[in-house]
Amino acid sequence: VQLQASGGGLVQPGGSLRLTCALSETRLAIYTMGWYRQAPGKQRELVARITQRRTPEYSDTVKGRFTISRDNAKNIWYLQMNNLKPEDTAVYSCNSFPTIYYSWGQGTLVTVSS
């Protein structure tokens, strides 16, 4: 079982990106899934999570700018990021919440810079 995040890149402040997380498992994922990020020199933090029933929660730092969604039938999760700020620069990864069901996959780098 693998988690693969994609969709990162370089974007100017105020720009948008959509990240995608794919879970390579034949069974439907039943857990709450989250998007995490780790900035250089900082600990990994949870920025958004979504239950199987699609109830989202966000950290205060991204609330109102990021939107998490999921397609349960395809085992895919998304993170729509709008109005990006330089402080959003980090490696973004996806995993369950709590992170006890799957191993970490490769993250995707988001760089917000002019």
PDB file of N, CA and C in Angstrom:
ATOM      1  N   VAL A   1       0.859  -1.185   0.000  1.00  0.00           N
ATOM      2  CA  VAL A   1       0.000   0.000   0.000  1.00  0.00           C
ATOM      3  C   VAL A   1       0.891   1.229   0.000  1.00  0.00           C
ATOM      4  N   GLN A   2       0.625   2.126  -0.927  1.00  0.00           N
ATOM      5  CA  GLN A   2       1.451   3.330  -1.040  1.00  0.00           C
ATOM      6  C   GLN A   2       0.593   4.565  -1.151  1.00  0.00           C
ATOM      7  N   LEU A   3       1.130   5.648  -0.613  1.00  0.00           N
ATOM      8  CA  LEU A   3       0.525   6.959  -0.740  1.00  0.00           C
ATOM      9  C   LEU A   3       1.423   7.803  -1.625  1.00  0.00           C
ATOM     10  N   GLN A   4       0.857   8.445  -2.591  1.00  0.00           N
ATOM     11  CA  GLN A   4       1.632   9.264  -3.517  1.00  0.00           C
ATOM     12  C   GLN A   4       0.993  10.630  -3.656  1.00  0.00           C
ATOM     13  N   ALA A   5       1.738  11.640  -3.249  1.00  0.00           N
ATOM     14  CA  ALA A   5       1.264  13.012  -3.382  1.00  0.00           C
ATOM     15  C   ALA A   5       1.866  13.627  -4.644  1.00  0.00           C
ATOM     16  N   SER A   6       1.101  14.465  -5.298  1.00  0.00           N
ATOM     17  CA  SER A   6       1.577  15.130  -6.508  1.00  0.00           C
ATOM     18  C   SER A   6       0.892  16.478  -6.659  1.00  0.00           C
ATOM     19  N   GLY A   7       1.409  17.287  -7.576  1.00  0.00           N
ATOM     20  CA  GLY A   7       0.772  18.552  -7.885  1.00  0.00           C
ATOM     21  C   GLY A   7       1.507  19.782  -7.379  1.00  0.00           C
ATOM     22  N   GLY A   8       2.616  19.581  -6.696  1.00  0.00           N
ATOM     23  CA  GLY A   8       3.363  20.726  -6.188  1.00  0.00           C
ATOM     24  C   GLY A   8       4.086  21.467  -7.298  1.00  0.00           C
ATOM     25  N   GLY A   9       4.695  22.579  -6.914  1.00  0.00           N
ATOM     26  CA  GLY A   9       5.432  23.360  -7.894  1.00  0.00           C
ATOM     27  C   GLY A   9       5.751  24.736  -7.351  1.00  0.00           C
ATOM     28  N   LEU A  10       6.214  25.588  -8.248  1.00  0.00           N
ATOM     29  CA  LEU A  10       6.551  26.964  -7.898  1.00  0.00           C
ATOM     30  C   LEU A  10       5.387  27.874  -8.281  1.00  0.00           C
ATOM     31  N   VAL A  11       4.958  28.682  -7.352  1.00  0.00           N
ATOM     32  CA  VAL A  11       3.839  29.582  -7.599  1.00  0.00           C
ATOM     33  C   VAL A  11       4.115  30.914  -6.926  1.00  0.00           C
ATOM     34  N   GLN A  12       3.595  31.969  -7.508  1.00  0.00           N
ATOM     35  CA  GLN A  12       3.769  33.296  -6.925  1.00  0.00           C
ATOM     36  C   GLN A  12       2.802  33.497  -5.762  1.00  0.00           C
ATOM     37  N   PRO A  13       3.140  34.386  -4.858  1.00  0.00           N
ATOM     38  CA  PRO A  13       2.198  34.700  -3.774  1.00  0.00           C
ATOM     39  C   PRO A  13       0.842  35.113  -4.344  1.00  0.00           C
ATOM     40  N   GLY A  14      -0.207  34.594  -3.717  1.00  0.00           N
ATOM     41  CA  GLY A  14      -1.552  34.853  -4.209  1.00  0.00           C
ATOM     42  C   GLY A  14      -2.041  33.827  -5.208  1.00  0.00           C
ATOM     43  N   GLY A  15      -1.155  32.967  -5.650  1.00  0.00           N
ATOM     44  CA  GLY A  15      -1.527  31.961  -6.630  1.00  0.00           C
ATOM     45  C   GLY A  15      -2.195  30.747  -6.022  1.00  0.00           C
ATOM     46  N   SER A  16      -2.494  29.770  -6.882  1.00  0.00           N
ATOM     47  CA  SER A  16      -3.207  28.563  -6.455  1.00  0.00           C
ATOM     48  C   SER A  16      -2.518  27.315  -6.984  1.00  0.00           C
ATOM     49  N   LEU A  17      -2.709  26.245  -6.250  1.00  0.00           N
ATOM     50  CA  LEU A  17      -2.268  24.920  -6.670  1.00  0.00           C
ATOM     51  C   LEU A  17      -3.276  23.907  -6.156  1.00  0.00           C
ATOM     52  N   ARG A  18      -3.380  22.783  -6.849  1.00  0.00           N
ATOM     53  CA  ARG A  18      -4.185  21.676  -6.343  1.00  0.00           C
ATOM     54  C   ARG A  18      -3.307  20.445  -6.215  1.00  0.00           C
ATOM     55  N   LEU A  19      -3.243  19.930  -5.020  1.00  0.00           N
ATOM     56  CA  LEU A  19      -2.475  18.721  -4.749  1.00  0.00           C
ATOM     57  C   LEU A  19      -3.399  17.509  -4.807  1.00  0.00           C
ATOM     58  N   THR A  20      -2.824  16.396  -5.236  1.00  0.00           N
ATOM     59  CA  THR A  20      -3.567  15.139  -5.313  1.00  0.00           C
ATOM     60  C   THR A  20      -2.822  14.063  -4.547  1.00  0.00           C
ATOM     61  N   CYS A  21      -3.558  13.259  -3.809  1.00  0.00           N
ATOM     62  CA  CYS A  21      -2.986  12.124  -3.094  1.00  0.00           C
ATOM     63  C   CYS A  21      -3.705  10.870  -3.562  1.00  0.00           C
ATOM     64  N   ALA A  22      -2.950   9.900  -3.983  1.00  0.00           N
ATOM     65  CA  ALA A  22      -3.517   8.631  -4.433  1.00  0.00           C
ATOM     66  C   ALA A  22      -3.065   7.518  -3.510  1.00  0.00           C
ATOM     67  N   LEU A  23      -4.021   6.688  -3.119  1.00  0.00           N
ATOM     68  CA  LEU A  23      -3.734   5.543  -2.260  1.00  0.00           C
ATOM     69  C   LEU A  23      -3.872   4.283  -3.088  1.00  0.00           C
ATOM     70  N   SER A  24      -2.783   3.526  -3.170  1.00  0.00           N
ATOM     71  CA  SER A  24      -2.793   2.318  -3.994  1.00  0.00           C
ATOM     72  C   SER A  24      -3.287   1.135  -3.172  1.00  0.00           C
ATOM     73  N   GLU A  25      -4.569   1.096  -2.967  1.00  0.00           N
ATOM     74  CA  GLU A  25      -5.179   0.011  -2.207  1.00  0.00           C
ATOM     75  C   GLU A  25      -6.501  -0.330  -2.864  1.00  0.00           C
ATOM     76  N   THR A  26      -6.796  -1.610  -2.974  1.00  0.00           N
ATOM     77  CA  THR A  26      -8.021  -1.997  -3.654  1.00  0.00           C
ATOM     78  C   THR A  26      -9.255  -1.780  -2.786  1.00  0.00           C
ATOM     79  N   ARG A  27      -9.068  -1.840  -1.483  1.00  0.00           N
ATOM     80  CA  ARG A  27     -10.212  -1.610  -0.611  1.00  0.00           C
ATOM     81  C   ARG A  27     -10.451  -0.108  -0.490  1.00  0.00           C
ATOM     82  N   LEU A  28     -11.693   0.249  -0.263  1.00  0.00           N
ATOM     83  CA  LEU A  28     -12.000   1.655  -0.069  1.00  0.00           C
ATOM     84  C   LEU A  28     -11.413   2.123   1.254  1.00  0.00           C
ATOM     85  N   ALA A  29     -10.789   3.272   1.213  1.00  0.00           N
ATOM     86  CA  ALA A  29     -10.216   3.820   2.430  1.00  0.00           C
ATOM     87  C   ALA A  29     -11.322   4.294   3.352  1.00  0.00           C
ATOM     88  N   ILE A  30     -11.271   3.867   4.596  1.00  0.00           N
ATOM     89  CA  ILE A  30     -12.343   4.202   5.523  1.00  0.00           C
ATOM     90  C   ILE A  30     -11.895   5.181   6.596  1.00  0.00           C
ATOM     91  N   TYR A  31     -10.626   5.564   6.517  1.00  0.00           N
ATOM     92  CA  TYR A  31     -10.102   6.405   7.581  1.00  0.00           C
ATOM     93  C   TYR A  31     -10.204   7.887   7.249  1.00  0.00           C
ATOM     94  N   THR A  32     -10.115   8.668   8.285  1.00  0.00           N
ATOM     95  CA  THR A  32      -9.928  10.098   8.076  1.00  0.00           C
ATOM     96  C   THR A  32      -8.560  10.288   7.437  1.00  0.00           C
ATOM     97  N   MET A  33      -8.515  11.094   6.393  1.00  0.00           N
ATOM     98  CA  MET A  33      -7.263  11.339   5.691  1.00  0.00           C
ATOM     99  C   MET A  33      -6.855  12.793   5.856  1.00  0.00           C
ATOM    100  N   GLY A  34      -5.557  13.007   5.866  1.00  0.00           N
ATOM    101  CA  GLY A  34      -5.067  14.355   6.101  1.00  0.00           C
ATOM    102  C   GLY A  34      -3.970  14.764   5.152  1.00  0.00           C
ATOM    103  N   TRP A  35      -3.809  16.054   5.044  1.00  0.00           N
ATOM    104  CA  TRP A  35      -2.674  16.650   4.348  1.00  0.00           C
ATOM    105  C   TRP A  35      -1.761  17.273   5.398  1.00  0.00           C
ATOM    106  N   TYR A  36      -0.483  16.978   5.262  1.00  0.00           N
ATOM    107  CA  TYR A  36       0.517  17.457   6.199  1.00  0.00           C
ATOM    108  C   TYR A  36       1.574  18.239   5.415  1.00  0.00           C
ATOM    109  N   ARG A  37       2.304  19.067   6.133  1.00  0.00           N
ATOM    110  CA  ARG A  37       3.401  19.751   5.473  1.00  0.00           C
ATOM    111  C   ARG A  37       4.566  19.921   6.439  1.00  0.00           C
ATOM    112  N   GLN A  38       5.746  19.980   5.842  1.00  0.00           N
ATOM    113  CA  GLN A  38       6.952  20.177   6.634  1.00  0.00           C
ATOM    114  C   GLN A  38       7.818  21.215   5.951  1.00  0.00           C
ATOM    115  N   ALA A  39       7.954  22.349   6.596  1.00  0.00           N
ATOM    116  CA  ALA A  39       8.804  23.424   6.088  1.00  0.00           C
ATOM    117  C   ALA A  39      10.241  23.179   6.543  1.00  0.00           C
ATOM    118  N   PRO A  40      11.206  23.745   5.838  1.00  0.00           N
ATOM    119  CA  PRO A  40      12.609  23.556   6.222  1.00  0.00           C
ATOM    120  C   PRO A  40      12.857  23.966   7.671  1.00  0.00           C
ATOM    121  N   GLY A  41      13.466  23.080   8.422  1.00  0.00           N
ATOM    122  CA  GLY A  41      13.796  23.381   9.799  1.00  0.00           C
ATOM    123  C   GLY A  41      12.641  23.304  10.773  1.00  0.00           C
ATOM    124  N   LYS A  42      11.488  22.849  10.295  1.00  0.00           N
ATOM    125  CA  LYS A  42      10.319  22.781  11.167  1.00  0.00           C
ATOM    126  C   LYS A  42       9.772  21.362  11.214  1.00  0.00           C
ATOM    127  N   GLN A  43       8.936  21.108  12.210  1.00  0.00           N
ATOM    128  CA  GLN A  43       8.301  19.801  12.323  1.00  0.00           C
ATOM    129  C   GLN A  43       7.134  19.691  11.363  1.00  0.00           C
ATOM    130  N   ARG A  44       6.821  18.474  11.026  1.00  0.00           N
ATOM    131  CA  ARG A  44       5.658  18.231  10.181  1.00  0.00           C
ATOM    132  C   ARG A  44       4.402  18.628  10.934  1.00  0.00           C
ATOM    133  N   GLU A  45       3.470  19.255  10.207  1.00  0.00           N
ATOM    134  CA  GLU A  45       2.216  19.680  10.827  1.00  0.00           C
ATOM    135  C   GLU A  45       1.037  19.263   9.956  1.00  0.00           C
ATOM    136  N   LEU A  46      -0.071  19.022  10.604  1.00  0.00           N
ATOM    137  CA  LEU A  46      -1.317  18.711   9.914  1.00  0.00           C
ATOM    138  C   LEU A  46      -1.969  20.015   9.494  1.00  0.00           C
ATOM    139  N   VAL A  47      -2.323  20.142   8.234  1.00  0.00           N
ATOM    140  CA  VAL A  47      -2.977  21.371   7.785  1.00  0.00           C
ATOM    141  C   VAL A  47      -4.455  21.169   7.489  1.00  0.00           C
ATOM    142  N   ALA A  48      -4.838  19.962   7.124  1.00  0.00           N
ATOM    143  CA  ALA A  48      -6.255  19.709   6.841  1.00  0.00           C
ATOM    144  C   ALA A  48      -6.513  18.213   6.944  1.00  0.00           C
ATOM    145  N   ARG A  49      -7.734  17.882   7.308  1.00  0.00           N
ATOM    146  CA  ARG A  49      -8.133  16.484   7.359  1.00  0.00           C
ATOM    147  C   ARG A  49      -9.592  16.388   6.958  1.00  0.00           C
ATOM    148  N   ILE A  50      -9.985  15.188   6.533  1.00  0.00           N
ATOM    149  CA  ILE A  50     -11.355  14.982   6.079  1.00  0.00           C
ATOM    150  C   ILE A  50     -11.777  13.572   6.434  1.00  0.00           C
ATOM    151  N   THR A  51     -12.959  13.451   7.008  1.00  0.00           N
ATOM    152  CA  THR A  51     -13.459  12.141   7.392  1.00  0.00           C
ATOM    153  C   THR A  51     -13.971  11.400   6.160  1.00  0.00           C
ATOM    154  N   GLN A  52     -14.282  10.125   6.367  1.00  0.00           N
ATOM    155  CA  GLN A  52     -14.835   9.341   5.268  1.00  0.00           C
ATOM    156  C   GLN A  52     -16.135   9.946   4.766  1.00  0.00           C
ATOM    157  N   ARG A  53     -16.855  10.595   5.656  1.00  0.00           N
ATOM    158  CA  ARG A  53     -18.113  11.243   5.284  1.00  0.00           C
ATOM    159  C   ARG A  53     -17.898  12.667   4.803  1.00  0.00           C
ATOM    160  N   ARG A  54     -16.638  13.019   4.557  1.00  0.00           N
ATOM    161  CA  ARG A  54     -16.270  14.297   3.944  1.00  0.00           C
ATOM    162  C   ARG A  54     -16.453  15.500   4.856  1.00  0.00           C
ATOM    163  N   THR A  55     -16.349  15.314   6.142  1.00  0.00           N
ATOM    164  CA  THR A  55     -16.355  16.445   7.059  1.00  0.00           C
ATOM    165  C   THR A  55     -14.923  16.955   7.185  1.00  0.00           C
ATOM    166  N   PRO A  56     -14.671  18.208   6.792  1.00  0.00           N
ATOM    167  CA  PRO A  56     -13.296  18.732   6.821  1.00  0.00           C
ATOM    168  C   PRO A  56     -12.976  19.499   8.098  1.00  0.00           C
ATOM    169  N   GLU A  57     -11.692  19.557   8.393  1.00  0.00           N
ATOM    170  CA  GLU A  57     -11.182  20.433   9.437  1.00  0.00           C
ATOM    171  C   GLU A  57      -9.867  21.010   8.952  1.00  0.00           C
ATOM    172  N   TYR A  58      -9.581  22.240   9.379  1.00  0.00           N
ATOM    173  CA  TYR A  58      -8.393  22.932   8.913  1.00  0.00           C
ATOM    174  C   TYR A  58      -7.624  23.545  10.072  1.00  0.00           C
ATOM    175  N   SER A  59      -6.332  23.678   9.877  1.00  0.00           N
ATOM    176  CA  SER A  59      -5.555  24.425  10.849  1.00  0.00           C
ATOM    177  C   SER A  59      -5.858  25.908  10.660  1.00  0.00           C
ATOM    178  N   ASP A  60      -5.623  26.673  11.690  1.00  0.00           N
ATOM    179  CA  ASP A  60      -5.919  28.103  11.623  1.00  0.00           C
ATOM    180  C   ASP A  60      -5.093  28.802  10.553  1.00  0.00           C
ATOM    181  N   THR A  61      -3.927  28.269  10.262  1.00  0.00           N
ATOM    182  CA  THR A  61      -3.037  28.937   9.306  1.00  0.00           C
ATOM    183  C   THR A  61      -3.522  28.832   7.863  1.00  0.00           C
ATOM    184  N   VAL A  62      -4.399  27.858   7.572  1.00  0.00           N
ATOM    185  CA  VAL A  62      -4.852  27.689   6.187  1.00  0.00           C
ATOM    186  C   VAL A  62      -6.357  27.840   6.029  1.00  0.00           C
ATOM    187  N   LYS A  63      -7.067  27.982   7.140  1.00  0.00           N
ATOM    188  CA  LYS A  63      -8.520  28.083   7.088  1.00  0.00           C
ATOM    189  C   LYS A  63      -8.948  29.257   6.219  1.00  0.00           C
ATOM    190  N   GLY A  64      -9.887  28.982   5.331  1.00  0.00           N
ATOM    191  CA  GLY A  64     -10.368  30.020   4.429  1.00  0.00           C
ATOM    192  C   GLY A  64      -9.591  30.106   3.118  1.00  0.00           C
ATOM    193  N   ARG A  65      -8.455  29.426   3.058  1.00  0.00           N
ATOM    194  CA  ARG A  65      -7.641  29.451   1.835  1.00  0.00           C
ATOM    195  C   ARG A  65      -7.494  28.077   1.196  1.00  0.00           C
ATOM    196  N   PHE A  66      -7.481  27.042   2.008  1.00  0.00           N
ATOM    197  CA  PHE A  66      -7.311  25.674   1.520  1.00  0.00           C
ATOM    198  C   PHE A  66      -8.637  24.924   1.632  1.00  0.00           C
ATOM    199  N   THR A  67      -8.850  24.002   0.701  1.00  0.00           N
ATOM    200  CA  THR A  67     -10.036  23.150   0.726  1.00  0.00           C
ATOM    201  C   THR A  67      -9.611  21.711   0.480  1.00  0.00           C
ATOM    202  N   ILE A  68      -9.991  20.836   1.396  1.00  0.00           N
ATOM    203  CA  ILE A  68      -9.688  19.417   1.254  1.00  0.00           C
ATOM    204  C   ILE A  68     -10.935  18.696   0.768  1.00  0.00           C
ATOM    205  N   SER A  69     -10.730  17.722  -0.102  1.00  0.00           N
ATOM    206  CA  SER A  69     -11.848  16.934  -0.610  1.00  0.00           C
ATOM    207  C   SER A  69     -11.352  15.518  -0.880  1.00  0.00           C
ATOM    208  N   ARG A  70     -12.297  14.615  -1.095  1.00  0.00           N
ATOM    209  CA  ARG A  70     -11.905  13.230  -1.350  1.00  0.00           C
ATOM    210  C   ARG A  70     -12.893  12.554  -2.276  1.00  0.00           C
ATOM    211  N   ASP A  71     -12.368  11.612  -3.038  1.00  0.00           N
ATOM    212  CA  ASP A  71     -13.184  10.761  -3.893  1.00  0.00           C
ATOM    213  C   ASP A  71     -13.022   9.349  -3.349  1.00  0.00           C
ATOM    214  N   ASN A  72     -13.980   8.928  -2.543  1.00  0.00           N
ATOM    215  CA  ASN A  72     -13.855   7.634  -1.869  1.00  0.00           C
ATOM    216  C   ASN A  72     -13.795   6.471  -2.852  1.00  0.00           C
ATOM    217  N   ALA A  73     -14.503   6.581  -3.948  1.00  0.00           N
ATOM    218  CA  ALA A  73     -14.547   5.485  -4.911  1.00  0.00           C
ATOM    219  C   ALA A  73     -13.187   5.254  -5.569  1.00  0.00           C
ATOM    220  N   LYS A  74     -12.408   6.324  -5.677  1.00  0.00           N
ATOM    221  CA  LYS A  74     -11.105   6.225  -6.344  1.00  0.00           C
ATOM    222  C   LYS A  74      -9.935   6.235  -5.362  1.00  0.00           C
ATOM    223  N   ASN A  75     -10.210   6.349  -4.077  1.00  0.00           N
ATOM    224  CA  ASN A  75      -9.129   6.465  -3.082  1.00  0.00           C
ATOM    225  C   ASN A  75      -8.180   7.614  -3.412  1.00  0.00           C
ATOM    226  N   ILE A  76      -8.768   8.760  -3.710  1.00  0.00           N
ATOM    227  CA  ILE A  76      -7.982   9.949  -4.045  1.00  0.00           C
ATOM    228  C   ILE A  76      -8.437  11.098  -3.161  1.00  0.00           C
ATOM    229  N   TRP A  77      -7.466  11.913  -2.722  1.00  0.00           N
ATOM    230  CA  TRP A  77      -7.751  13.088  -1.919  1.00  0.00           C
ATOM    231  C   TRP A  77      -7.109  14.293  -2.568  1.00  0.00           C
ATOM    232  N   TYR A  78      -7.719  15.434  -2.356  1.00  0.00           N
ATOM    233  CA  TYR A  78      -7.235  16.656  -2.970  1.00  0.00           C
ATOM    234  C   TYR A  78      -7.041  17.737  -1.914  1.00  0.00           C
ATOM    235  N   LEU A  79      -6.151  18.645  -2.232  1.00  0.00           N
ATOM    236  CA  LEU A  79      -6.013  19.848  -1.422  1.00  0.00           C
ATOM    237  C   LEU A  79      -5.913  21.030  -2.378  1.00  0.00           C
ATOM    238  N   GLN A  80      -6.993  21.796  -2.448  1.00  0.00           N
ATOM    239  CA  GLN A  80      -7.006  23.006  -3.251  1.00  0.00           C
ATOM    240  C   GLN A  80      -6.452  24.132  -2.400  1.00  0.00           C
ATOM    241  N   MET A  81      -5.387  24.744  -2.874  1.00  0.00           N
ATOM    242  CA  MET A  81      -4.727  25.793  -2.115  1.00  0.00           C
ATOM    243  C   MET A  81      -4.823  27.108  -2.887  1.00  0.00           C
ATOM    244  N   ASN A  82      -5.497  28.070  -2.294  1.00  0.00           N
ATOM    245  CA  ASN A  82      -5.667  29.385  -2.907  1.00  0.00           C
ATOM    246  C   ASN A  82      -4.983  30.447  -2.060  1.00  0.00           C
ATOM    247  N   ASN A  83      -4.741  31.592  -2.681  1.00  0.00           N
ATOM    248  CA  ASN A  83      -4.113  32.710  -1.988  1.00  0.00           C
ATOM    249  C   ASN A  83      -2.866  32.254  -1.227  1.00  0.00           C
ATOM    250  N   LEU A  84      -2.006  31.557  -1.924  1.00  0.00           N
ATOM    251  CA  LEU A  84      -0.815  31.009  -1.293  1.00  0.00           C
ATOM    252  C   LEU A  84       0.133  32.112  -0.829  1.00  0.00           C
ATOM    253  N   LYS A  85       0.794  31.827   0.283  1.00  0.00           N
ATOM    254  CA  LYS A  85       1.719  32.772   0.892  1.00  0.00           C
ATOM    255  C   LYS A  85       3.114  32.151   0.965  1.00  0.00           C
ATOM    256  N   PRO A  86       4.140  32.958   1.047  1.00  0.00           N
ATOM    257  CA  PRO A  86       5.501  32.396   1.156  1.00  0.00           C
ATOM    258  C   PRO A  86       5.639  31.419   2.317  1.00  0.00           C
ATOM    259  N   GLU A  87       4.920  31.650   3.408  1.00  0.00           N
ATOM    260  CA  GLU A  87       5.009  30.756   4.553  1.00  0.00           C
ATOM    261  C   GLU A  87       4.329  29.413   4.321  1.00  0.00           C
ATOM    262  N   ASP A  88       3.665  29.249   3.196  1.00  0.00           N
ATOM    263  CA  ASP A  88       3.093  27.951   2.831  1.00  0.00           C
ATOM    264  C   ASP A  88       4.136  27.054   2.164  1.00  0.00           C
ATOM    265  N   THR A  89       5.297  27.585   1.907  1.00  0.00           N
ATOM    266  CA  THR A  89       6.356  26.799   1.286  1.00  0.00           C
ATOM    267  C   THR A  89       6.741  25.624   2.169  1.00  0.00           C
ATOM    268  N   ALA A  90       6.654  24.413   1.616  1.00  0.00           N
ATOM    269  CA  ALA A  90       6.916  23.198   2.390  1.00  0.00           C
ATOM    270  C   ALA A  90       6.795  21.985   1.478  1.00  0.00           C
ATOM    271  N   VAL A  91       7.199  20.842   2.006  1.00  0.00           N
ATOM    272  CA  VAL A  91       6.901  19.571   1.361  1.00  0.00           C
ATOM    273  C   VAL A  91       5.564  19.091   1.920  1.00  0.00           C
ATOM    274  N   TYR A  92       4.626  18.859   1.040  1.00  0.00           N
ATOM    275  CA  TYR A  92       3.290  18.424   1.424  1.00  0.00           C
ATOM    276  C   TYR A  92       3.161  16.915   1.213  1.00  0.00           C
ATOM    277  N   SER A  93       2.619  16.251   2.228  1.00  0.00           N
ATOM    278  CA  SER A  93       2.421  14.808   2.175  1.00  0.00           C
ATOM    279  C   SER A  93       1.015  14.479   2.638  1.00  0.00           C
ATOM    280  N   CYS A  94       0.576  13.296   2.287  1.00  0.00           N
ATOM    281  CA  CYS A  94      -0.741  12.858   2.716  1.00  0.00           C
ATOM    282  C   CYS A  94      -0.615  11.568   3.515  1.00  0.00           C
ATOM    283  N   ASN A  95      -1.533  11.388   4.424  1.00  0.00           N
ATOM    284  CA  ASN A  95      -1.568  10.181   5.232  1.00  0.00           C
ATOM    285  C   ASN A  95      -2.893  10.153   5.972  1.00  0.00           C
ATOM    286  N   SER A  96      -3.128   9.072   6.661  1.00  0.00           N
ATOM    287  CA  SER A  96      -4.335   8.994   7.460  1.00  0.00           C
ATOM    288  C   SER A  96      -4.176   9.888   8.683  1.00  0.00           C
ATOM    289  N   PHE A  97      -5.286  10.125   9.368  1.00  0.00           N
ATOM    290  CA  PHE A  97      -5.245  10.809  10.647  1.00  0.00           C
ATOM    291  C   PHE A  97      -5.995   9.954  11.646  1.00  0.00           C
ATOM    292  N   PRO A  98      -5.328   9.469  12.694  1.00  0.00           N
ATOM    293  CA  PRO A  98      -3.898   9.588  12.962  1.00  0.00           C
ATOM    294  C   PRO A  98      -3.061   8.782  11.965  1.00  0.00           C
ATOM    295  N   THR A  99      -1.770   9.005  11.993  1.00  0.00           N
ATOM    296  CA  THR A  99      -0.871   8.415  11.005  1.00  0.00           C
ATOM    297  C   THR A  99      -0.409   7.028  11.451  1.00  0.00           C
ATOM    298  N   ILE A 100      -1.373   6.143  11.665  1.00  0.00           N
ATOM    299  CA  ILE A 100      -1.025   4.816  12.181  1.00  0.00           C
ATOM    300  C   ILE A 100      -1.392   3.694  11.228  1.00  0.00           C
ATOM    301  N   TYR A 101      -2.010   4.041  10.087  1.00  0.00           N
ATOM    302  CA  TYR A 101      -2.499   2.991   9.204  1.00  0.00           C
ATOM    303  C   TYR A 101      -1.620   2.788   7.980  1.00  0.00           C
ATOM    304  N   TYR A 102      -0.930   3.823   7.536  1.00  0.00           N
ATOM    305  CA  TYR A 102      -0.136   3.732   6.319  1.00  0.00           C
ATOM    306  C   TYR A 102       1.257   4.303   6.552  1.00  0.00           C
ATOM    307  N   SER A 103       2.200   3.828   5.762  1.00  0.00           N
ATOM    308  CA  SER A 103       3.532   4.418   5.794  1.00  0.00           C
ATOM    309  C   SER A 103       3.535   5.703   4.983  1.00  0.00           C
ATOM    310  N   TRP A 104       4.463   6.575   5.288  1.00  0.00           N
ATOM    311  CA  TRP A 104       4.567   7.818   4.543  1.00  0.00           C
ATOM    312  C   TRP A 104       5.065   7.541   3.141  1.00  0.00           C
ATOM    313  N   GLY A 105       4.444   8.188   2.189  1.00  0.00           N
ATOM    314  CA  GLY A 105       4.914   8.135   0.813  1.00  0.00           C
ATOM    315  C   GLY A 105       5.739   9.374   0.509  1.00  0.00           C
ATOM    316  N   GLN A 106       6.081   9.526  -0.741  1.00  0.00           N
ATOM    317  CA  GLN A 106       6.852  10.696  -1.147  1.00  0.00           C
ATOM    318  C   GLN A 106       5.947  11.912  -1.189  1.00  0.00           C
ATOM    319  N   GLY A 107       6.415  13.001  -0.645  1.00  0.00           N
ATOM    320  CA  GLY A 107       5.645  14.227  -0.666  1.00  0.00           C
ATOM    321  C   GLY A 107       5.881  15.009  -1.945  1.00  0.00           C
ATOM    322  N   THR A 108       5.257  16.170  -1.997  1.00  0.00           N
ATOM    323  CA  THR A 108       5.408  17.039  -3.153  1.00  0.00           C
ATOM    324  C   THR A 108       5.764  18.442  -2.659  1.00  0.00           C
ATOM    325  N   LEU A 109       6.738  19.043  -3.304  1.00  0.00           N
ATOM    326  CA  LEU A 109       7.253  20.335  -2.847  1.00  0.00           C
ATOM    327  C   LEU A 109       6.420  21.483  -3.402  1.00  0.00           C
ATOM    328  N   VAL A 110       6.010  22.360  -2.513  1.00  0.00           N
ATOM    329  CA  VAL A 110       5.310  23.586  -2.887  1.00  0.00           C
ATOM    330  C   VAL A 110       6.195  24.759  -2.499  1.00  0.00           C
ATOM    331  N   THR A 111       6.520  25.584  -3.486  1.00  0.00           N
ATOM    332  CA  THR A 111       7.348  26.759  -3.239  1.00  0.00           C
ATOM    333  C   THR A 111       6.567  27.986  -3.651  1.00  0.00           C
ATOM    334  N   VAL A 112       6.369  28.887  -2.699  1.00  0.00           N
ATOM    335  CA  VAL A 112       5.643  30.120  -2.961  1.00  0.00           C
ATOM    336  C   VAL A 112       6.647  31.267  -2.902  1.00  0.00           C
ATOM    337  N   SER A 113       6.907  31.827  -4.062  1.00  0.00           N
ATOM    338  CA  SER A 113       7.931  32.866  -4.149  1.00  0.00           C
ATOM    339  C   SER A 113       7.715  33.711  -5.383  1.00  0.00           C
ATOM    340  N   SER A 114       8.091  34.964  -5.272  1.00  0.00           N
ATOM    341  CA  SER A 114       8.011  35.856  -6.429  1.00  0.00           C
ATOM    342  C   SER A 114       9.343  35.904  -7.147  1.00  0.00           C
TER     343      SER A 114
END
